[in-house]
Amino acid sequence: MKEKEYDFSKMTIEEGLKRLSEITGEMEKEDCTLEKSFSLYEEGTALIKYVNSKVEEVEAKVSMITEDGGEVPFS
């Protein structure tokens, strides 16, 4: 089975986290079918990968300036 492709490129980290919350809520509903659950799970896992990559990008860009003007990676 081929993995479905999602385009989250215009989504912010906050929007991604909001959508993940919505996905969780939809999956918790009693009337959520098995097929819908699989579809939501697939979207959620792809979205988690995207959000994680965006967070890593932000962390890589953030640096703290030390007293002597040097840069220290954000941790």
N, C-alpha and C. Protein backbone atom coordinates (compact mmCIF):
# COMPACT_ATOMS: atom_id res chain seq x y z
N MET A 1 0.84 -1.18 0.00
CA MET A 1 0.00 0.00 0.00
C MET A 1 0.88 1.24 0.00
N LYS A 2 0.65 2.15 -0.94
CA LYS A 2 1.44 3.36 -1.05
C LYS A 2 0.98 4.39 -0.02
N GLU A 3 1.95 5.04 0.62
CA GLU A 3 1.63 6.06 1.60
C GLU A 3 1.08 7.30 0.90
N LYS A 4 -0.01 7.82 1.42
CA LYS A 4 -0.64 9.01 0.86
C LYS A 4 0.26 10.22 1.11
N GLU A 5 0.30 11.14 0.14
CA GLU A 5 1.12 12.33 0.29
C GLU A 5 0.27 13.51 0.75
N TYR A 6 0.80 14.26 1.69
CA TYR A 6 0.12 15.43 2.22
C TYR A 6 0.99 16.65 1.97
N ASP A 7 0.36 17.78 1.73
CA ASP A 7 1.10 19.02 1.54
C ASP A 7 0.79 19.95 2.71
N PHE A 8 1.72 20.00 3.66
CA PHE A 8 1.57 20.85 4.83
C PHE A 8 2.44 22.11 4.70
N SER A 9 3.00 22.36 3.52
CA SER A 9 4.01 23.40 3.35
C SER A 9 3.55 24.80 3.75
N LYS A 10 2.28 25.07 3.69
CA LYS A 10 1.78 26.40 4.06
C LYS A 10 1.29 26.45 5.50
N MET A 11 1.44 25.35 6.22
CA MET A 11 0.94 25.26 7.59
C MET A 11 2.02 25.68 8.59
N THR A 12 1.62 26.51 9.55
CA THR A 12 2.54 26.90 10.61
C THR A 12 2.61 25.77 11.65
N ILE A 13 3.58 25.87 12.52
CA ILE A 13 3.70 24.89 13.60
C ILE A 13 2.42 24.89 14.44
N GLU A 14 1.93 26.08 14.76
CA GLU A 14 0.73 26.19 15.58
C GLU A 14 -0.49 25.58 14.89
N GLU A 15 -0.61 25.82 13.59
CA GLU A 15 -1.72 25.23 12.83
C GLU A 15 -1.59 23.70 12.80
N GLY A 16 -0.36 23.22 12.68
CA GLY A 16 -0.14 21.78 12.68
C GLY A 16 -0.53 21.15 14.01
N LEU A 17 -0.16 21.81 15.10
CA LEU A 17 -0.52 21.29 16.42
C LEU A 17 -2.03 21.32 16.63
N LYS A 18 -2.67 22.36 16.13
CA LYS A 18 -4.13 22.45 16.23
C LYS A 18 -4.78 21.32 15.46
N ARG A 19 -4.29 21.06 14.23
CA ARG A 19 -4.85 19.98 13.42
C ARG A 19 -4.61 18.63 14.09
N LEU A 20 -3.46 18.43 14.72
CA LEU A 20 -3.22 17.18 15.43
C LEU A 20 -4.23 16.99 16.55
N SER A 21 -4.56 18.07 17.23
CA SER A 21 -5.57 18.00 18.29
C SER A 21 -6.94 17.63 17.71
N GLU A 22 -7.26 18.22 16.57
CA GLU A 22 -8.53 17.90 15.90
C GLU A 22 -8.57 16.44 15.48
N ILE A 23 -7.46 15.95 14.95
CA ILE A 23 -7.38 14.54 14.52
C ILE A 23 -7.63 13.63 15.72
N THR A 24 -6.98 13.94 16.83
CA THR A 24 -7.16 13.13 18.03
C THR A 24 -8.62 13.12 18.45
N GLY A 25 -9.26 14.29 18.45
CA GLY A 25 -10.67 14.38 18.81
C GLY A 25 -11.56 13.56 17.89
N GLU A 26 -11.28 13.63 16.59
CA GLU A 26 -12.08 12.87 15.63
C GLU A 26 -11.92 11.36 15.85
N MET A 27 -10.69 10.93 16.15
CA MET A 27 -10.44 9.51 16.36
C MET A 27 -11.09 8.98 17.64
N GLU A 28 -11.30 9.86 18.61
CA GLU A 28 -11.90 9.45 19.88
C GLU A 28 -13.41 9.31 19.82
N LYS A 29 -14.03 9.82 18.76
CA LYS A 29 -15.48 9.73 18.63
C LYS A 29 -15.91 8.28 18.45
N GLU A 30 -17.01 7.91 19.08
CA GLU A 30 -17.51 6.54 18.99
C GLU A 30 -17.93 6.16 17.58
N ASP A 31 -18.39 7.14 16.79
CA ASP A 31 -18.87 6.83 15.44
C ASP A 31 -17.77 6.88 14.38
N CYS A 32 -16.52 7.01 14.79
CA CYS A 32 -15.40 7.04 13.84
C CYS A 32 -15.16 5.62 13.33
N THR A 33 -15.31 5.46 12.02
CA THR A 33 -15.14 4.13 11.43
C THR A 33 -13.67 3.72 11.42
N LEU A 34 -13.44 2.46 11.22
CA LEU A 34 -12.08 1.94 11.16
C LEU A 34 -11.33 2.57 9.98
N GLU A 35 -12.00 2.68 8.83
CA GLU A 35 -11.38 3.28 7.66
C GLU A 35 -11.00 4.74 7.94
N LYS A 36 -11.90 5.49 8.57
CA LYS A 36 -11.64 6.88 8.90
C LYS A 36 -10.48 6.97 9.90
N SER A 37 -10.45 6.07 10.87
CA SER A 37 -9.36 6.04 11.85
C SER A 37 -8.02 5.84 11.18
N PHE A 38 -7.95 4.92 10.22
CA PHE A 38 -6.70 4.69 9.49
C PHE A 38 -6.29 5.92 8.71
N SER A 39 -7.25 6.57 8.07
CA SER A 39 -6.97 7.77 7.30
C SER A 39 -6.46 8.89 8.21
N LEU A 40 -7.11 9.08 9.35
CA LEU A 40 -6.69 10.10 10.30
C LEU A 40 -5.32 9.78 10.89
N TYR A 41 -5.09 8.51 11.18
CA TYR A 41 -3.79 8.08 11.72
C TYR A 41 -2.68 8.40 10.72
N GLU A 42 -2.93 8.09 9.46
CA GLU A 42 -1.95 8.34 8.41
C GLU A 42 -1.65 9.84 8.30
N GLU A 43 -2.71 10.66 8.29
CA GLU A 43 -2.52 12.11 8.24
C GLU A 43 -1.76 12.60 9.46
N GLY A 44 -2.13 12.09 10.63
CA GLY A 44 -1.48 12.50 11.87
C GLY A 44 -0.01 12.17 11.92
N THR A 45 0.36 10.98 11.48
CA THR A 45 1.78 10.62 11.51
C THR A 45 2.58 11.47 10.53
N ALA A 46 2.01 11.75 9.35
CA ALA A 46 2.68 12.62 8.39
C ALA A 46 2.81 14.04 8.96
N LEU A 47 1.77 14.49 9.64
CA LEU A 47 1.78 15.84 10.22
C LEU A 47 2.79 15.94 11.36
N ILE A 48 2.91 14.90 12.16
CA ILE A 48 3.91 14.89 13.24
C ILE A 48 5.32 15.02 12.65
N LYS A 49 5.59 14.29 11.59
CA LYS A 49 6.91 14.39 10.94
C LYS A 49 7.16 15.81 10.45
N TYR A 50 6.14 16.42 9.84
CA TYR A 50 6.28 17.79 9.34
C TYR A 50 6.52 18.77 10.47
N VAL A 51 5.70 18.70 11.52
CA VAL A 51 5.84 19.63 12.64
C VAL A 51 7.21 19.46 13.30
N ASN A 52 7.64 18.22 13.49
CA ASN A 52 8.96 17.99 14.07
C ASN A 52 10.06 18.61 13.22
N SER A 53 9.96 18.48 11.90
CA SER A 53 10.99 19.06 11.04
C SER A 53 10.98 20.59 11.12
N LYS A 54 9.78 21.20 11.22
CA LYS A 54 9.69 22.65 11.36
C LYS A 54 10.28 23.11 12.69
N VAL A 55 10.02 22.38 13.76
CA VAL A 55 10.58 22.73 15.07
C VAL A 55 12.11 22.63 15.01
N GLU A 56 12.63 21.59 14.38
CA GLU A 56 14.07 21.44 14.25
C GLU A 56 14.68 22.59 13.45
N GLU A 57 13.98 23.05 12.41
CA GLU A 57 14.45 24.20 11.63
C GLU A 57 14.53 25.44 12.51
N VAL A 58 13.50 25.67 13.30
CA VAL A 58 13.47 26.84 14.18
C VAL A 58 14.60 26.75 15.20
N GLU A 59 14.77 25.58 15.81
CA GLU A 59 15.83 25.40 16.80
C GLU A 59 17.21 25.66 16.18
N ALA A 60 17.39 25.23 14.93
CA ALA A 60 18.68 25.43 14.27
C ALA A 60 18.95 26.91 14.02
N LYS A 61 17.90 27.70 13.80
CA LYS A 61 18.05 29.13 13.52
C LYS A 61 18.26 29.96 14.78
N VAL A 62 17.77 29.43 15.89
CA VAL A 62 17.83 30.21 17.13
C VAL A 62 19.21 30.04 17.76
N SER A 63 19.83 31.14 18.08
CA SER A 63 21.11 31.06 18.80
C SER A 63 21.12 32.14 19.86
N MET A 64 21.89 31.88 20.88
CA MET A 64 22.03 32.86 21.96
C MET A 64 23.37 33.56 21.81
N ILE A 65 23.37 34.85 21.98
CA ILE A 65 24.59 35.64 21.89
C ILE A 65 25.25 35.70 23.27
N THR A 66 26.50 35.26 23.31
CA THR A 66 27.22 35.30 24.57
C THR A 66 27.79 36.70 24.79
N GLU A 67 28.35 36.93 25.95
CA GLU A 67 28.89 38.25 26.29
C GLU A 67 29.99 38.70 25.33
N ASP A 68 30.78 37.75 24.82
CA ASP A 68 31.87 38.13 23.91
C ASP A 68 31.42 38.18 22.45
N GLY A 69 30.13 38.05 22.20
CA GLY A 69 29.61 38.15 20.84
C GLY A 69 29.56 36.85 20.08
N GLY A 70 30.02 35.77 20.68
CA GLY A 70 29.98 34.47 20.01
C GLY A 70 28.58 33.91 20.04
N GLU A 71 28.34 32.93 19.17
CA GLU A 71 27.03 32.30 19.11
C GLU A 71 27.11 30.92 19.76
N VAL A 72 26.06 30.61 20.51
CA VAL A 72 25.95 29.31 21.15
C VAL A 72 24.65 28.68 20.64
N PRO A 73 24.71 27.43 20.15
CA PRO A 73 23.48 26.79 19.65
C PRO A 73 22.41 26.73 20.73
N PHE A 74 21.17 26.93 20.31
CA PHE A 74 20.04 26.85 21.22
C PHE A 74 19.84 25.41 21.63
N SER A 75 19.62 25.18 22.91
CA SER A 75 19.34 23.81 23.36
C SER A 75 18.21 23.77 24.32
